[in-house]
Each structure stands twice: as structure tokens, then as C-alpha cells.
Amino acid sequence: SAITLTLNGKRRMQLDEASRIATFLGVPVEEVLKNAGL
């Protein structure tokens, strides 16, 4: 549910989460931060 809330813009993504999502997807963390609105 935390992922759903995050993608719906109702929960702010944490910086450490952005780093781990970048690892999970295999993309630069800058891309994750940009698309998360951070």
C-alpha cells in the first residue's frame, strides 16, 4: 500500500528509497529522483 500511495502522489518518496529503487530497476538514481518529483 505504501508503493500505491507513493505512485498516487499521496506519500513522499524517501531519498534512501529512491536510491534502492534505482538499484532495483537498474537505472541512475537521478532518473528516479526526477520522476518522483524530488
All heavy atoms as atom14 arrays in JSON, in Angstrom:
{
  "sequence": "SAITLTLNGKRRMQLDEASRIATFLGVPVEEVLKNAGL",
  "atom14_mask": [
    [1, 1, 1, 1, 1, 1, 0, 0, 0, 0, 0, 0, 0, 0],
    [1, 1, 1, 1, 1, 0, 0, 0, 0, 0, 0, 0, 0, 0],
    [1, 1, 1, 1, 1, 1, 1, 1, 0, 0, 0, 0, 0, 0],
    [1, 1, 1, 1, 1, 1, 1, 0, 0, 0, 0, 0, 0, 0],
    [1, 1, 1, 1, 1, 1, 1, 1, 0, 0, 0, 0, 0, 0],
    [1, 1, 1, 1, 1, 1, 1, 0, 0, 0, 0, 0, 0, 0],
    [1, 1, 1, 1, 1, 1, 1, 1, 0, 0, 0, 0, 0, 0],
    [1, 1, 1, 1, 1, 1, 1, 1, 0, 0, 0, 0, 0, 0],
    [1, 1, 1, 1, 0, 0, 0, 0, 0, 0, 0, 0, 0, 0],
    [1, 1, 1, 1, 1, 1, 1, 1, 1, 0, 0, 0, 0, 0],
    [1, 1, 1, 1, 1, 1, 1, 1, 1, 1, 1, 0, 0, 0],
    [1, 1, 1, 1, 1, 1, 1, 1, 1, 1, 1, 0, 0, 0],
    [1, 1, 1, 1, 1, 1, 1, 1, 0, 0, 0, 0, 0, 0],
    [1, 1, 1, 1, 1, 1, 1, 1, 1, 0, 0, 0, 0, 0],
    [1, 1, 1, 1, 1, 1, 1, 1, 0, 0, 0, 0, 0, 0],
    [1, 1, 1, 1, 1, 1, 1, 1, 0, 0, 0, 0, 0, 0],
    [1, 1, 1, 1, 1, 1, 1, 1, 1, 0, 0, 0, 0, 0],
    [1, 1, 1, 1, 1, 0, 0, 0, 0, 0, 0, 0, 0, 0],
    [1, 1, 1, 1, 1, 1, 0, 0, 0, 0, 0, 0, 0, 0],
    [1, 1, 1, 1, 1, 1, 1, 1, 1, 1, 1, 0, 0, 0],
    [1, 1, 1, 1, 1, 1, 1, 1, 0, 0, 0, 0, 0, 0],
    [1, 1, 1, 1, 1, 0, 0, 0, 0, 0, 0, 0, 0, 0],
    [1, 1, 1, 1, 1, 1, 1, 0, 0, 0, 0, 0, 0, 0],
    [1, 1, 1, 1, 1, 1, 1, 1, 1, 1, 1, 0, 0, 0],
    [1, 1, 1, 1, 1, 1, 1, 1, 0, 0, 0, 0, 0, 0],
    [1, 1, 1, 1, 0, 0, 0, 0, 0, 0, 0, 0, 0, 0],
    [1, 1, 1, 1, 1, 1, 1, 0, 0, 0, 0, 0, 0, 0],
    [1, 1, 1, 1, 1, 1, 1, 0, 0, 0, 0, 0, 0, 0],
    [1, 1, 1, 1, 1, 1, 1, 0, 0, 0, 0, 0, 0, 0],
    [1, 1, 1, 1, 1, 1, 1, 1, 1, 0, 0, 0, 0, 0],
    [1, 1, 1, 1, 1, 1, 1, 1, 1, 0, 0, 0, 0, 0],
    [1, 1, 1, 1, 1, 1, 1, 0, 0, 0, 0, 0, 0, 0],
    [1, 1, 1, 1, 1, 1, 1, 1, 0, 0, 0, 0, 0, 0],
    [1, 1, 1, 1, 1, 1, 1, 1, 1, 0, 0, 0, 0, 0],
    [1, 1, 1, 1, 1, 1, 1, 1, 0, 0, 0, 0, 0, 0],
    [1, 1, 1, 1, 1, 0, 0, 0, 0, 0, 0, 0, 0, 0],
    [1, 1, 1, 1, 0, 0, 0, 0, 0, 0, 0, 0, 0, 0],
    [1, 1, 1, 1, 1, 1, 1, 1, 0, 0, 0, 0, 0, 0]
  ],
  "atom14_positions": [
    [[0.82, -1.21, 0.0], [0.0, 0.0, 0.0], [0.86, 1.26, 0.0], [0.45, 2.31, -0.51], [-0.94, 0.01, 1.22], [-0.19, 0.04, 2.43], [0.0, 0.0, 0.0], [0.0, 0.0, 0.0], [0.0, 0.0, 0.0], [0.0, 0.0, 0.0], [0.0, 0.0, 0.0], [0.0, 0.0, 0.0], [0.0, 0.0, 0.0], [0.0, 0.0, 0.0]],
    [[2.08, 1.17, 0.57], [2.97, 2.34, 0.58], [3.41, 2.68, -0.83], [3.54, 3.86, -1.18], [4.18, 2.06, 1.47], [0.0, 0.0, 0.0], [0.0, 0.0, 0.0], [0.0, 0.0, 0.0], [0.0, 0.0, 0.0], [0.0, 0.0, 0.0], [0.0, 0.0, 0.0], [0.0, 0.0, 0.0], [0.0, 0.0, 0.0], [0.0, 0.0, 0.0]],
    [[3.63, 1.65, -1.66], [4.01, 1.89, -3.06], [2.85, 2.54, -3.81], [3.04, 3.48, -4.58], [4.42, 0.58, -3.75], [5.59, -0.06, -3.01], [4.76, 0.83, -5.21], [6.83, 0.77, -2.99], [0.0, 0.0, 0.0], [0.0, 0.0, 0.0], [0.0, 0.0, 0.0], [0.0, 0.0, 0.0], [0.0, 0.0, 0.0], [0.0, 0.0, 0.0]],
    [[1.64, 2.04, -3.57], [0.46, 2.6, -4.22], [0.28, 4.07, -3.85], [0.04, 4.92, -4.72], [-0.8, 1.81, -3.83], [-0.64, 0.45, -4.23], [-2.03, 2.4, -4.5], [0.0, 0.0, 0.0], [0.0, 0.0, 0.0], [0.0, 0.0, 0.0], [0.0, 0.0, 0.0], [0.0, 0.0, 0.0], [0.0, 0.0, 0.0], [0.0, 0.0, 0.0]],
    [[0.41, 4.38, -2.56], [0.27, 5.76, -2.11], [1.36, 6.65, -2.71], [1.1, 7.8, -3.09], [0.34, 5.82, -0.58], [-0.85, 5.22, 0.18], [-0.57, 5.17, 1.68], [-2.12, 6.04, -0.08], [0.0, 0.0, 0.0], [0.0, 0.0, 0.0], [0.0, 0.0, 0.0], [0.0, 0.0, 0.0], [0.0, 0.0, 0.0], [0.0, 0.0, 0.0]],
    [[2.57, 6.11, -2.82], [3.67, 6.89, -3.39], [3.41, 7.23, -4.84], [3.55, 8.38, -5.28], [5.0, 6.12, -3.26], [5.26, 5.86, -1.87], [6.15, 6.93, -3.84], [0.0, 0.0, 0.0], [0.0, 0.0, 0.0], [0.0, 0.0, 0.0], [0.0, 0.0, 0.0], [0.0, 0.0, 0.0], [0.0, 0.0, 0.0], [0.0, 0.0, 0.0]],
    [[3.01, 6.22, -5.62], [2.76, 6.45, -7.04], [1.55, 7.33, -7.29], [1.45, 7.99, -8.32], [2.59, 5.11, -7.76], [3.84, 4.21, -7.79], [3.57, 2.94, -8.57], [5.04, 4.95, -8.38], [0.0, 0.0, 0.0], [0.0, 0.0, 0.0], [0.0, 0.0, 0.0], [0.0, 0.0, 0.0], [0.0, 0.0, 0.0], [0.0, 0.0, 0.0]],
    [[0.63, 7.35, -6.32], [-0.55, 8.21, -6.44], [-0.29, 9.62, -5.93], [-1.19, 10.46, -5.91], [-1.73, 7.61, -5.69], [-2.3, 6.38, -6.39], [-2.08, 6.18, -7.58], [-3.03, 5.56, -5.66], [0.0, 0.0, 0.0], [0.0, 0.0, 0.0], [0.0, 0.0, 0.0], [0.0, 0.0, 0.0], [0.0, 0.0, 0.0], [0.0, 0.0, 0.0]],
    [[0.95, 9.86, -5.5], [1.31, 11.2, -5.02], [0.8, 11.52, -3.63], [0.82, 12.68, -3.21], [0.0, 0.0, 0.0], [0.0, 0.0, 0.0], [0.0, 0.0, 0.0], [0.0, 0.0, 0.0], [0.0, 0.0, 0.0], [0.0, 0.0, 0.0], [0.0, 0.0, 0.0], [0.0, 0.0, 0.0], [0.0, 0.0, 0.0], [0.0, 0.0, 0.0]],
    [[0.39, 10.49, -2.87], [-0.14, 10.72, -1.52], [0.88, 10.39, -0.43], [0.58, 10.51, 0.75], [-1.41, 9.89, -1.32], [-2.54, 10.29, -2.25], [-3.78, 9.45, -2.01], [-4.91, 9.89, -2.94], [-6.13, 9.06, -2.75], [0.0, 0.0, 0.0], [0.0, 0.0, 0.0], [0.0, 0.0, 0.0], [0.0, 0.0, 0.0], [0.0, 0.0, 0.0]],
    [[2.04, 9.94, -0.85], [3.13, 9.64, 0.1], [4.43, 10.06, -0.57], [4.7, 9.69, -1.7], [3.17, 8.14, 0.43], [4.34, 7.72, 1.3], [4.36, 6.2, 1.51], [5.53, 5.77, 2.25], [6.71, 5.51, 1.71], [6.9, 5.65, 0.4], [7.72, 5.11, 2.48], [0.0, 0.0, 0.0], [0.0, 0.0, 0.0], [0.0, 0.0, 0.0]],
    [[5.25, 10.82, 0.16], [6.51, 11.31, -0.4], [7.55, 10.2, -0.38], [7.75, 9.54, 0.64], [7.01, 12.52, 0.39], [8.3, 13.12, -0.14], [8.69, 14.33, 0.69], [9.98, 14.86, 0.3], [10.2, 15.68, -0.71], [9.18, 16.07, -1.45], [11.41, 16.12, -0.99], [0.0, 0.0, 0.0], [0.0, 0.0, 0.0], [0.0, 0.0, 0.0]],
    [[8.21, 10.0, -1.5], [9.28, 9.02, -1.58], [10.48, 9.52, -0.78], [10.89, 10.68, -0.89], [9.69, 8.79, -3.04], [10.77, 7.73, -3.22], [11.27, 7.56, -4.96], [9.75, 6.96, -5.71], [0.0, 0.0, 0.0], [0.0, 0.0, 0.0], [0.0, 0.0, 0.0], [0.0, 0.0, 0.0], [0.0, 0.0, 0.0], [0.0, 0.0, 0.0]],
    [[11.06, 8.65, 0.03], [12.24, 9.0, 0.81], [13.49, 8.88, -0.08], [13.52, 8.11, -1.04], [12.38, 8.08, 2.02], [11.18, 8.1, 2.96], [10.96, 9.47, 3.57], [11.89, 10.08, 4.09], [9.73, 9.96, 3.51], [0.0, 0.0, 0.0], [0.0, 0.0, 0.0], [0.0, 0.0, 0.0], [0.0, 0.0, 0.0], [0.0, 0.0, 0.0]],
    [[14.52, 9.65, 0.25], [15.73, 9.64, -0.57], [16.39, 8.27, -0.6], [16.88, 7.82, -1.63], [16.72, 10.69, -0.05], [16.35, 12.14, -0.32], [17.34, 13.07, 0.36], [16.33, 12.43, -1.81], [0.0, 0.0, 0.0], [0.0, 0.0, 0.0], [0.0, 0.0, 0.0], [0.0, 0.0, 0.0], [0.0, 0.0, 0.0], [0.0, 0.0, 0.0]],
    [[16.39, 7.58, 0.55], [17.01, 6.26, 0.56], [16.19, 5.28, -0.27], [16.74, 4.36, -0.89], [17.17, 5.75, 1.99], [15.84, 5.51, 2.68], [15.02, 6.45, 2.74], [15.6, 4.38, 3.12], [0.0, 0.0, 0.0], [0.0, 0.0, 0.0], [0.0, 0.0, 0.0], [0.0, 0.0, 0.0], [0.0, 0.0, 0.0], [0.0, 0.0, 0.0]],
    [[14.88, 5.47, -0.31], [14.03, 4.62, -1.15], [14.34, 4.85, -2.62], [14.38, 3.89, -3.41], [12.55, 4.92, -0.87], [12.09, 4.5, 0.51], [10.67, 4.96, 0.82], [10.03, 5.57, -0.05], [10.21, 4.71, 1.95], [0.0, 0.0, 0.0], [0.0, 0.0, 0.0], [0.0, 0.0, 0.0], [0.0, 0.0, 0.0], [0.0, 0.0, 0.0]],
    [[14.57, 6.11, -2.99], [14.91, 6.41, -4.38], [16.19, 5.7, -4.79], [16.29, 5.16, -5.9], [15.06, 7.92, -4.57], [0.0, 0.0, 0.0], [0.0, 0.0, 0.0], [0.0, 0.0, 0.0], [0.0, 0.0, 0.0], [0.0, 0.0, 0.0], [0.0, 0.0, 0.0], [0.0, 0.0, 0.0], [0.0, 0.0, 0.0], [0.0, 0.0, 0.0]],
    [[17.17, 5.68, -3.9], [18.43, 5.01, -4.19], [18.22, 3.5, -4.38], [18.77, 2.89, -5.31], [19.42, 5.26, -3.05], [20.63, 4.58, -3.27], [0.0, 0.0, 0.0], [0.0, 0.0, 0.0], [0.0, 0.0, 0.0], [0.0, 0.0, 0.0], [0.0, 0.0, 0.0], [0.0, 0.0, 0.0], [0.0, 0.0, 0.0], [0.0, 0.0, 0.0]],
    [[17.39, 2.91, -3.54], [17.15, 1.46, -3.63], [16.28, 1.13, -4.84], [16.45, 0.08, -5.46], [16.51, 0.97, -2.33], [17.42, 1.14, -1.12], [16.75, 0.71, 0.16], [16.54, -0.72, 0.2], [15.81, -1.33, 1.13], [15.21, -0.61, 2.08], [15.67, -2.64, 1.11], [0.0, 0.0, 0.0], [0.0, 0.0, 0.0], [0.0, 0.0, 0.0]],
    [[15.36, 2.0, -5.2], [14.54, 1.79, -6.4], [15.42, 1.83, -7.64], [15.24, 1.04, -8.58], [13.42, 2.84, -6.49], [12.37, 2.58, -5.4], [12.75, 2.82, -7.86], [11.32, 3.66, -5.27], [0.0, 0.0, 0.0], [0.0, 0.0, 0.0], [0.0, 0.0, 0.0], [0.0, 0.0, 0.0], [0.0, 0.0, 0.0], [0.0, 0.0, 0.0]],
    [[16.39, 2.76, -7.64], [17.33, 2.83, -8.76], [18.09, 1.52, -8.91], [18.31, 1.02, -10.02], [18.29, 4.0, -8.56], [0.0, 0.0, 0.0], [0.0, 0.0, 0.0], [0.0, 0.0, 0.0], [0.0, 0.0, 0.0], [0.0, 0.0, 0.0], [0.0, 0.0, 0.0], [0.0, 0.0, 0.0], [0.0, 0.0, 0.0], [0.0, 0.0, 0.0]],
    [[18.5, 0.95, -7.78], [19.19, -0.35, -7.8], [18.26, -1.44, -8.32], [18.65, -2.28, -9.14], [19.68, -0.71, -6.39], [20.6, 0.29, -5.94], [20.37, -2.07, -6.38], [0.0, 0.0, 0.0], [0.0, 0.0, 0.0], [0.0, 0.0, 0.0], [0.0, 0.0, 0.0], [0.0, 0.0, 0.0], [0.0, 0.0, 0.0], [0.0, 0.0, 0.0]],
    [[17.02, -1.43, -7.86], [16.03, -2.44, -8.25], [15.75, -2.39, -9.75], [15.65, -3.44, -10.41], [14.74, -2.2, -7.46], [13.66, -3.23, -7.7], [13.75, -4.5, -7.17], [12.53, -2.9, -8.45], [12.75, -5.45, -7.38], [11.54, -3.84, -8.68], [11.64, -5.11, -8.14], [0.0, 0.0, 0.0], [0.0, 0.0, 0.0], [0.0, 0.0, 0.0]],
    [[15.66, -1.19, -10.29], [15.35, -1.03, -11.72], [16.59, -1.02, -12.6], [16.48, -1.18, -13.82], [14.58, 0.28, -11.93], [13.2, 0.38, -11.27], [12.61, 1.76, -11.5], [12.26, -0.7, -11.8], [0.0, 0.0, 0.0], [0.0, 0.0, 0.0], [0.0, 0.0, 0.0], [0.0, 0.0, 0.0], [0.0, 0.0, 0.0], [0.0, 0.0, 0.0]],
    [[17.75, -0.8, -12.0], [18.98, -0.72, -12.78], [19.07, 0.56, -13.58], [19.53, 0.57, -14.73], [0.0, 0.0, 0.0], [0.0, 0.0, 0.0], [0.0, 0.0, 0.0], [0.0, 0.0, 0.0], [0.0, 0.0, 0.0], [0.0, 0.0, 0.0], [0.0, 0.0, 0.0], [0.0, 0.0, 0.0], [0.0, 0.0, 0.0], [0.0, 0.0, 0.0]],
    [[18.64, 1.68, -12.98], [18.69, 2.98, -13.64], [19.41, 3.97, -12.74], [19.55, 3.74, -11.53], [17.26, 3.5, -13.95], [16.52, 2.54, -14.88], [16.46, 3.71, -12.66], [0.0, 0.0, 0.0], [0.0, 0.0, 0.0], [0.0, 0.0, 0.0], [0.0, 0.0, 0.0], [0.0, 0.0, 0.0], [0.0, 0.0, 0.0], [0.0, 0.0, 0.0]],
    [[19.88, 5.09, -13.28], [20.54, 6.1, -12.44], [19.57, 6.67, -11.4], [18.39, 6.86, -11.69], [20.97, 7.18, -13.45], [21.02, 6.48, -14.77], [19.93, 5.46, -14.72], [0.0, 0.0, 0.0], [0.0, 0.0, 0.0], [0.0, 0.0, 0.0], [0.0, 0.0, 0.0], [0.0, 0.0, 0.0], [0.0, 0.0, 0.0], [0.0, 0.0, 0.0]],
    [[20.08, 6.92, -10.21], [19.22, 7.45, -9.15], [18.66, 8.82, -9.54], [17.56, 9.2, -9.12], [20.0, 7.53, -7.82], [21.11, 8.56, -7.9], [19.07, 7.83, -6.65], [0.0, 0.0, 0.0], [0.0, 0.0, 0.0], [0.0, 0.0, 0.0], [0.0, 0.0, 0.0], [0.0, 0.0, 0.0], [0.0, 0.0, 0.0], [0.0, 0.0, 0.0]],
    [[19.4, 9.56, -10.39], [18.91, 10.87, -10.83], [17.59, 10.74, -11.59], [16.71, 11.6, -11.48], [19.96, 11.55, -11.72], [21.2, 12.04, -10.97], [22.19, 10.91, -10.71], [21.98, 9.78, -11.23], [23.17, 11.15, -9.99], [0.0, 0.0, 0.0], [0.0, 0.0, 0.0], [0.0, 0.0, 0.0], [0.0, 0.0, 0.0], [0.0, 0.0, 0.0]],
    [[17.45, 9.64, -12.36], [16.21, 9.41, -13.1], [15.05, 9.16, -12.15], [13.93, 9.63, -12.36], [16.38, 8.23, -14.06], [17.19, 8.52, -15.29], [16.49, 9.54, -16.19], [15.33, 9.3, -16.57], [17.11, 10.58, -16.48], [0.0, 0.0, 0.0], [0.0, 0.0, 0.0], [0.0, 0.0, 0.0], [0.0, 0.0, 0.0], [0.0, 0.0, 0.0]],
    [[15.32, 8.38, -11.12], [14.28, 8.1, -10.13], [13.86, 9.37, -9.42], [12.67, 9.67, -9.25], [14.76, 7.04, -9.11], [13.73, 6.84, -8.01], [15.05, 5.71, -9.81], [0.0, 0.0, 0.0], [0.0, 0.0, 0.0], [0.0, 0.0, 0.0], [0.0, 0.0, 0.0], [0.0, 0.0, 0.0], [0.0, 0.0, 0.0], [0.0, 0.0, 0.0]],
    [[14.84, 10.16, -8.99], [14.54, 11.4, -8.28], [13.74, 12.36, -9.16], [12.78, 12.98, -8.7], [15.84, 12.06, -7.82], [16.62, 11.34, -6.72], [18.01, 11.94, -6.55], [15.85, 11.4, -5.4], [0.0, 0.0, 0.0], [0.0, 0.0, 0.0], [0.0, 0.0, 0.0], [0.0, 0.0, 0.0], [0.0, 0.0, 0.0], [0.0, 0.0, 0.0]],
    [[14.15, 12.48, -10.42], [13.46, 13.39, -11.34], [12.01, 12.99, -11.52], [11.1, 13.83, -11.45], [14.18, 13.41, -12.68], [13.54, 14.34, -13.72], [14.32, 14.35, -15.02], [14.17, 13.02, -15.73], [14.81, 13.04, -17.08], [0.0, 0.0, 0.0], [0.0, 0.0, 0.0], [0.0, 0.0, 0.0], [0.0, 0.0, 0.0], [0.0, 0.0, 0.0]],
    [[11.74, 11.7, -11.74], [10.38, 11.25, -11.99], [9.55, 11.13, -10.71], [8.32, 11.02, -10.78], [10.41, 9.91, -12.72], [10.8, 10.06, -14.18], [10.0, 10.48, -15.01], [12.06, 9.77, -14.49], [0.0, 0.0, 0.0], [0.0, 0.0, 0.0], [0.0, 0.0, 0.0], [0.0, 0.0, 0.0], [0.0, 0.0, 0.0], [0.0, 0.0, 0.0]],
    [[10.23, 11.18, -9.57], [9.5, 11.19, -8.3], [9.19, 12.62, -7.86], [8.54, 12.83, -6.84], [10.3, 10.48, -7.23], [0.0, 0.0, 0.0], [0.0, 0.0, 0.0], [0.0, 0.0, 0.0], [0.0, 0.0, 0.0], [0.0, 0.0, 0.0], [0.0, 0.0, 0.0], [0.0, 0.0, 0.0], [0.0, 0.0, 0.0], [0.0, 0.0, 0.0]],
    [[9.66, 13.6, -8.64], [9.39, 14.99, -8.29], [10.27, 15.5, -7.17], [9.93, 16.49, -6.51], [0.0, 0.0, 0.0], [0.0, 0.0, 0.0], [0.0, 0.0, 0.0], [0.0, 0.0, 0.0], [0.0, 0.0, 0.0], [0.0, 0.0, 0.0], [0.0, 0.0, 0.0], [0.0, 0.0, 0.0], [0.0, 0.0, 0.0], [0.0, 0.0, 0.0]],
    [[11.42, 14.82, -6.94], [12.34, 15.26, -5.91], [13.43, 16.08, -6.58], [14.27, 15.54, -7.3], [12.95, 14.06, -5.18], [11.94, 13.16, -4.45], [12.63, 11.94, -3.88], [11.24, 13.95, -3.35], [0.0, 0.0, 0.0], [0.0, 0.0, 0.0], [0.0, 0.0, 0.0], [0.0, 0.0, 0.0], [0.0, 0.0, 0.0], [0.0, 0.0, 0.0]]
  ]
}
